[in-house]
PDB file of all heavy atoms in Angstrom:
ATOM      1  N   ALA A   1      60.702 165.424 261.070  1.00  0.00           N
ATOM      2  CA  ALA A   1      60.894 166.474 260.053  1.00  0.00           C
ATOM      3  C   ALA A   1      59.377 166.666 259.515  1.00  0.00           C
ATOM      4  O   ALA A   1      58.629 165.758 259.413  1.00  0.00           O
ATOM      5  CB  ALA A   1      61.667 165.926 258.975  1.00  0.00           C
ATOM      6  N   GLU A   2      59.045 167.976 259.310  1.00  0.00           N
ATOM      7  CA  GLU A   2      57.705 168.339 258.770  1.00  0.00           C
ATOM      8  C   GLU A   2      57.881 169.540 257.741  1.00  0.00           C
ATOM      9  O   GLU A   2      58.738 170.303 257.905  1.00  0.00           O
ATOM     10  CB  GLU A   2      56.897 168.566 259.985  1.00  0.00           C
ATOM     11  CG  GLU A   2      57.239 169.883 260.873  1.00  0.00           C
ATOM     12  CD  GLU A   2      56.196 170.143 261.860  1.00  0.00           C
ATOM     13  OE1 GLU A   2      55.408 169.229 262.295  1.00  0.00           O
ATOM     14  OE2 GLU A   2      56.122 171.356 262.349  1.00  0.00           O
ATOM     15  N   GLN A   3      56.943 169.487 256.822  1.00  0.00           N
ATOM     16  CA  GLN A   3      56.957 170.475 255.768  1.00  0.00           C
ATOM     17  C   GLN A   3      55.644 170.598 255.197  1.00  0.00           C
ATOM     18  O   GLN A   3      54.862 169.689 254.977  1.00  0.00           O
ATOM     19  CB  GLN A   3      57.942 170.065 254.708  1.00  0.00           C
ATOM     20  CG  GLN A   3      58.175 171.113 253.627  1.00  0.00           C
ATOM     21  CD  GLN A   3      59.234 170.734 252.684  1.00  0.00           C
ATOM     22  OE1 GLN A   3      59.567 169.553 252.523  1.00  0.00           O
ATOM     23  NE2 GLN A   3      59.688 171.677 251.790  1.00  0.00           N
ATOM     24  N   CYS A   4      55.244 171.965 255.011  1.00  0.00           N
ATOM     25  CA  CYS A   4      54.054 172.376 254.386  1.00  0.00           C
ATOM     26  C   CYS A   4      54.523 172.784 252.906  1.00  0.00           C
ATOM     27  O   CYS A   4      55.524 173.243 252.659  1.00  0.00           O
ATOM     28  CB  CYS A   4      53.415 173.491 255.003  1.00  0.00           C
ATOM     29  SG  CYS A   4      52.548 172.997 256.528  1.00  0.00           S
ATOM     30  N   ARG A   5      53.529 172.505 251.912  1.00  0.00           N
ATOM     31  CA  ARG A   5      54.091 172.795 250.513  1.00  0.00           C
ATOM     32  C   ARG A   5      54.098 174.382 250.587  1.00  0.00           C
ATOM     33  O   ARG A   5      53.415 175.219 251.023  1.00  0.00           O
ATOM     34  CB  ARG A   5      52.642 172.461 249.688  1.00  0.00           C
ATOM     35  CG  ARG A   5      53.177 172.620 248.217  1.00  0.00           C
ATOM     36  CD  ARG A   5      52.144 171.861 247.242  1.00  0.00           C
ATOM     37  NE  ARG A   5      52.281 170.338 247.348  1.00  0.00           N
ATOM     38  CZ  ARG A   5      53.209 169.795 246.835  1.00  0.00           C
ATOM     39  NH1 ARG A   5      54.193 170.322 246.103  1.00  0.00           N
ATOM     40  NH2 ARG A   5      53.310 168.396 247.081  1.00  0.00           N
ATOM     41  N   ASN A   6      55.333 174.818 249.848  1.00  0.00           N
ATOM     42  CA  ASN A   6      55.534 176.203 249.815  1.00  0.00           C
ATOM     43  C   ASN A   6      56.069 176.754 251.044  1.00  0.00           C
ATOM     44  O   ASN A   6      56.060 177.840 251.258  1.00  0.00           O
ATOM     45  CB  ASN A   6      54.436 177.038 249.277  1.00  0.00           C
ATOM     46  CG  ASN A   6      54.062 176.662 247.906  1.00  0.00           C
ATOM     47  OD1 ASN A   6      54.744 176.140 247.020  1.00  0.00           O
ATOM     48  ND2 ASN A   6      52.800 176.669 247.587  1.00  0.00           N
ATOM     49  N   GLY A   7      56.314 175.753 252.115  1.00  0.00           N
ATOM     50  CA  GLY A   7      56.692 176.233 253.460  1.00  0.00           C
ATOM     51  C   GLY A   7      58.069 175.678 253.673  1.00  0.00           C
ATOM     52  O   GLY A   7      58.624 174.896 252.995  1.00  0.00           O
ATOM     53  N   PRO A   8      58.828 176.211 254.774  1.00  0.00           N
ATOM     54  CA  PRO A   8      60.113 175.622 255.200  1.00  0.00           C
ATOM     55  C   PRO A   8      59.988 174.258 255.698  1.00  0.00           C
ATOM     56  O   PRO A   8      59.061 173.848 256.255  1.00  0.00           O
ATOM     57  CB  PRO A   8      60.540 176.628 256.251  1.00  0.00           C
ATOM     58  CG  PRO A   8      59.206 177.144 256.874  1.00  0.00           C
ATOM     59  CD  PRO A   8      58.189 177.221 255.816  1.00  0.00           C
ATOM     60  N   LEU A   9      61.179 173.537 255.489  1.00  0.00           N
ATOM     61  CA  LEU A   9      61.263 172.307 256.113  1.00  0.00           C
ATOM     62  C   LEU A   9      61.962 172.440 257.572  1.00  0.00           C
ATOM     63  O   LEU A   9      62.839 173.141 257.689  1.00  0.00           O
ATOM     64  CB  LEU A   9      62.321 171.245 255.401  1.00  0.00           C
ATOM     65  CG  LEU A   9      62.733 169.995 255.870  1.00  0.00           C
ATOM     66  CD1 LEU A   9      61.456 169.133 255.875  1.00  0.00           C
ATOM     67  CD2 LEU A   9      63.778 169.477 255.006  1.00  0.00           C
ATOM     68  N   VAL A  10      61.169 171.856 258.498  1.00  0.00           N
ATOM     69  CA  VAL A  10      61.553 172.051 259.894  1.00  0.00           C
ATOM     70  C   VAL A  10      61.987 170.803 260.591  1.00  0.00           C
ATOM     71  O   VAL A  10      61.259 169.793 260.310  1.00  0.00           O
ATOM     72  CB  VAL A  10      60.450 172.716 260.806  1.00  0.00           C
ATOM     73  CG1 VAL A  10      60.820 172.937 262.122  1.00  0.00           C
ATOM     74  CG2 VAL A  10      59.983 173.975 260.180  1.00  0.00           C
ATOM     75  N   VAL A  11      63.122 170.762 261.194  1.00  0.00           N
ATOM     76  CA  VAL A  11      63.654 169.519 261.716  1.00  0.00           C
ATOM     77  C   VAL A  11      63.695 169.625 263.266  1.00  0.00           C
ATOM     78  O   VAL A  11      64.266 170.643 263.845  1.00  0.00           O
ATOM     79  CB  VAL A  11      65.014 169.152 261.081  1.00  0.00           C
ATOM     80  CG1 VAL A  11      65.675 167.896 261.801  1.00  0.00           C
ATOM     81  CG2 VAL A  11      64.946 169.079 259.635  1.00  0.00           C
ATOM     82  N   PHE A  12      63.350 168.512 263.986  1.00  0.00           N
ATOM     83  CA  PHE A  12      63.439 168.404 265.293  1.00  0.00           C
ATOM     84  C   PHE A  12      64.231 167.254 265.668  1.00  0.00           C
ATOM     85  O   PHE A  12      64.283 166.188 264.830  1.00  0.00           O
ATOM     86  CB  PHE A  12      62.012 168.241 266.050  1.00  0.00           C
ATOM     87  CG  PHE A  12      61.144 169.374 265.979  1.00  0.00           C
ATOM     88  CD1 PHE A  12      60.297 169.386 264.732  1.00  0.00           C
ATOM     89  CD2 PHE A  12      61.039 170.510 266.775  1.00  0.00           C
ATOM     90  CE1 PHE A  12      59.378 170.429 264.482  1.00  0.00           C
ATOM     91  CE2 PHE A  12      60.143 171.455 266.485  1.00  0.00           C
ATOM     92  CZ  PHE A  12      59.366 171.497 265.414  1.00  0.00           C
ATOM     93  N   ALA A  13      64.934 167.185 266.695  1.00  0.00           N
ATOM     94  CA  ALA A  13      65.591 165.924 267.265  1.00  0.00           C
ATOM     95  C   ALA A  13      65.574 165.807 268.733  1.00  0.00           C
ATOM     96  O   ALA A  13      65.091 166.904 269.419  1.00  0.00           O
ATOM     97  CB  ALA A  13      67.124 166.063 266.718  1.00  0.00           C
ATOM     98  N   GLY A  14      65.822 164.720 269.222  1.00  0.00           N
ATOM     99  CA  GLY A  14      65.760 164.553 270.684  1.00  0.00           C
ATOM    100  C   GLY A  14      66.200 163.228 271.173  1.00  0.00           C
ATOM    101  O   GLY A  14      66.597 162.363 270.379  1.00  0.00           O
ATOM    102  N   ILE A  15      65.981 163.094 272.398  1.00  0.00           N
ATOM    103  CA  ILE A  15      66.242 161.741 273.172  1.00  0.00           C
ATOM    104  C   ILE A  15      65.128 161.628 274.261  1.00  0.00           C
ATOM    105  O   ILE A  15      64.770 162.492 274.728  1.00  0.00           O
ATOM    106  CB  ILE A  15      67.731 161.785 273.951  1.00  0.00           C
ATOM    107  CG1 ILE A  15      68.082 160.489 274.439  1.00  0.00           C
ATOM    108  CG2 ILE A  15      67.761 162.976 274.878  1.00  0.00           C
ATOM    109  CD1 ILE A  15      69.426 160.410 274.929  1.00  0.00           C
ATOM    110  N   LYS A  16      64.688 160.387 274.350  1.00  0.00           N
ATOM    111  CA  LYS A  16      63.727 159.975 275.317  1.00  0.00           C
ATOM    112  C   LYS A  16      64.081 158.717 275.978  1.00  0.00           C
ATOM    113  O   LYS A  16      65.009 157.964 275.675  1.00  0.00           O
ATOM    114  CB  LYS A  16      62.419 159.818 274.521  1.00  0.00           C
ATOM    115  CG  LYS A  16      62.283 158.637 273.668  1.00  0.00           C
ATOM    116  CD  LYS A  16      60.841 158.468 273.105  1.00  0.00           C
ATOM    117  CE  LYS A  16      60.718 157.224 272.292  1.00  0.00           C
ATOM    118  NZ  LYS A  16      59.333 156.998 271.737  1.00  0.00           N
ATOM    119  N   ASP A  17      63.216 158.369 277.134  1.00  0.00           N
ATOM    120  CA  ASP A  17      63.384 157.185 277.823  1.00  0.00           C
ATOM    121  C   ASP A  17      64.809 157.071 278.417  1.00  0.00           C
ATOM    122  O   ASP A  17      65.513 156.023 278.574  1.00  0.00           O
ATOM    123  CB  ASP A  17      63.132 156.063 277.120  1.00  0.00           C
ATOM    124  CG  ASP A  17      61.790 155.926 276.564  1.00  0.00           C
ATOM    125  OD1 ASP A  17      60.810 156.622 277.099  1.00  0.00           O
ATOM    126  OD2 ASP A  17      61.439 155.111 275.632  1.00  0.00           O
ATOM    127  N   LEU A  18      65.421 158.306 278.825  1.00  0.00           N
ATOM    128  CA  LEU A  18      66.749 158.373 279.370  1.00  0.00           C
ATOM    129  C   LEU A  18      66.433 158.397 280.942  1.00  0.00           C
ATOM    130  O   LEU A  18      66.072 159.405 281.448  1.00  0.00           O
ATOM    131  CB  LEU A  18      67.430 159.564 278.957  1.00  0.00           C
ATOM    132  CG  LEU A  18      68.894 159.859 279.393  1.00  0.00           C
ATOM    133  CD1 LEU A  18      69.799 158.658 278.976  1.00  0.00           C
ATOM    134  CD2 LEU A  18      69.501 161.233 278.944  1.00  0.00           C
ATOM    135  N   LYS A  19      66.858 157.410 281.645  1.00  0.00           N
ATOM    136  CA  LYS A  19      66.761 157.260 283.070  1.00  0.00           C
ATOM    137  C   LYS A  19      67.963 157.669 283.753  1.00  0.00           C
ATOM    138  O   LYS A  19      69.074 157.172 283.594  1.00  0.00           O
ATOM    139  CB  LYS A  19      66.313 155.776 283.490  1.00  0.00           C
ATOM    140  CG  LYS A  19      64.901 155.411 282.900  1.00  0.00           C
ATOM    141  CD  LYS A  19      64.556 154.057 283.393  1.00  0.00           C
ATOM    142  CE  LYS A  19      63.071 153.741 282.889  1.00  0.00           C
ATOM    143  NZ  LYS A  19      62.683 152.249 283.235  1.00  0.00           N
ATOM    144  N   LEU A  20      67.716 158.708 284.775  1.00  0.00           N
ATOM    145  CA  LEU A  20      68.862 159.428 285.321  1.00  0.00           C
ATOM    146  C   LEU A  20      68.703 159.283 286.876  1.00  0.00           C
ATOM    147  O   LEU A  20      67.435 159.389 287.374  1.00  0.00           O
ATOM    148  CB  LEU A  20      69.091 160.721 284.903  1.00  0.00           C
ATOM    149  CG  LEU A  20      69.441 161.020 283.393  1.00  0.00           C
ATOM    150  CD1 LEU A  20      69.417 162.451 283.144  1.00  0.00           C
ATOM    151  CD2 LEU A  20      70.633 160.344 283.069  1.00  0.00           C
ATOM    152  N   MET A  21      69.809 159.170 287.618  1.00  0.00           N
ATOM    153  CA  MET A  21      69.650 159.227 289.122  1.00  0.00           C
ATOM    154  C   MET A  21      70.909 159.710 289.640  1.00  0.00           C
ATOM    155  O   MET A  21      72.053 159.448 289.280  1.00  0.00           O
ATOM    156  CB  MET A  21      69.467 157.800 289.610  1.00  0.00           C
ATOM    157  CG  MET A  21      69.460 157.725 291.241  1.00  0.00           C
ATOM    158  SD  MET A  21      69.561 155.993 291.873  1.00  0.00           S
ATOM    159  CE  MET A  21      67.859 155.544 291.540  1.00  0.00           C
ATOM    160  N   LYS A  22      70.818 160.603 290.771  1.00  0.00           N
ATOM    161  CA  LYS A  22      71.905 160.849 291.652  1.00  0.00           C
ATOM    162  C   LYS A  22      71.457 160.778 293.079  1.00  0.00           C
ATOM    163  O   LYS A  22      70.225 161.075 293.287  1.00  0.00           O
ATOM    164  CB  LYS A  22      72.485 162.284 291.286  1.00  0.00           C
ATOM    165  CG  LYS A  22      71.712 163.472 291.544  1.00  0.00           C
ATOM    166  CD  LYS A  22      72.483 164.657 291.213  1.00  0.00           C
ATOM    167  CE  LYS A  22      71.693 165.997 291.432  1.00  0.00           C
ATOM    168  NZ  LYS A  22      72.432 167.222 291.042  1.00  0.00           N
ATOM    169  N   THR A  23      72.325 160.180 293.867  1.00  0.00           N
ATOM    170  CA  THR A  23      71.874 159.773 295.335  1.00  0.00           C
ATOM    171  C   THR A  23      72.050 160.790 296.295  1.00  0.00           C
ATOM    172  O   THR A  23      71.571 160.503 297.470  1.00  0.00           O
ATOM    173  CB  THR A  23      72.712 158.561 295.706  1.00  0.00           C
ATOM    174  OG1 THR A  23      74.003 158.655 295.459  1.00  0.00           O
ATOM    175  CG2 THR A  23      72.180 157.270 294.617  1.00  0.00           C
ATOM    176  N   THR A  24      72.581 161.936 296.017  1.00  0.00           N
ATOM    177  CA  THR A  24      72.804 163.069 296.859  1.00  0.00           C
ATOM    178  C   THR A  24      72.899 164.410 296.115  1.00  0.00           C
ATOM    179  O   THR A  24      72.694 164.312 294.924  1.00  0.00           O
ATOM    180  CB  THR A  24      73.927 162.881 297.819  1.00  0.00           C
ATOM    181  OG1 THR A  24      73.983 163.855 298.910  1.00  0.00           O
ATOM    182  CG2 THR A  24      75.242 162.953 297.030  1.00  0.00           C
ATOM    183  N   GLN A  25      73.216 165.522 296.748  1.00  0.00           N
ATOM    184  CA  GLN A  25      73.313 166.713 296.162  1.00  0.00           C
ATOM    185  C   GLN A  25      71.901 167.129 295.516  1.00  0.00           C
ATOM    186  O   GLN A  25      71.884 167.704 294.388  1.00  0.00           O
ATOM    187  CB  GLN A  25      74.465 166.701 295.124  1.00  0.00           C
ATOM    188  CG  GLN A  25      75.777 166.772 295.569  1.00  0.00           C
ATOM    189  CD  GLN A  25      76.264 168.044 296.250  1.00  0.00           C
ATOM    190  OE1 GLN A  25      75.491 168.719 297.095  1.00  0.00           O
ATOM    191  NE2 GLN A  25      77.276 168.773 295.675  1.00  0.00           N
ATOM    192  N   SER A  26      70.874 166.749 296.209  1.00  0.00           N
ATOM    193  CA  SER A  26      69.605 167.283 295.701  1.00  0.00           C
ATOM    194  C   SER A  26      68.669 167.479 296.929  1.00  0.00           C
ATOM    195  O   SER A  26      68.727 166.669 297.832  1.00  0.00           O
ATOM    196  CB  SER A  26      69.026 166.178 294.872  1.00  0.00           C
ATOM    197  OG  SER A  26      67.581 166.561 294.535  1.00  0.00           O
ATOM    198  N   GLY A  27      67.878 168.462 296.908  1.00  0.00           N
ATOM    199  CA  GLY A  27      66.895 168.794 298.076  1.00  0.00           C
ATOM    200  C   GLY A  27      65.788 169.519 297.461  1.00  0.00           C
ATOM    201  O   GLY A  27      65.588 169.843 296.244  1.00  0.00           O
TER     202      GLY A  27
END
């Protein structure tokens, strides 16, 4: 969350370190 005085409050969200694998259907 970040805000400047007299400015809007802006919110970000997310996910990290998510390890994914599929063993076929990729090329």
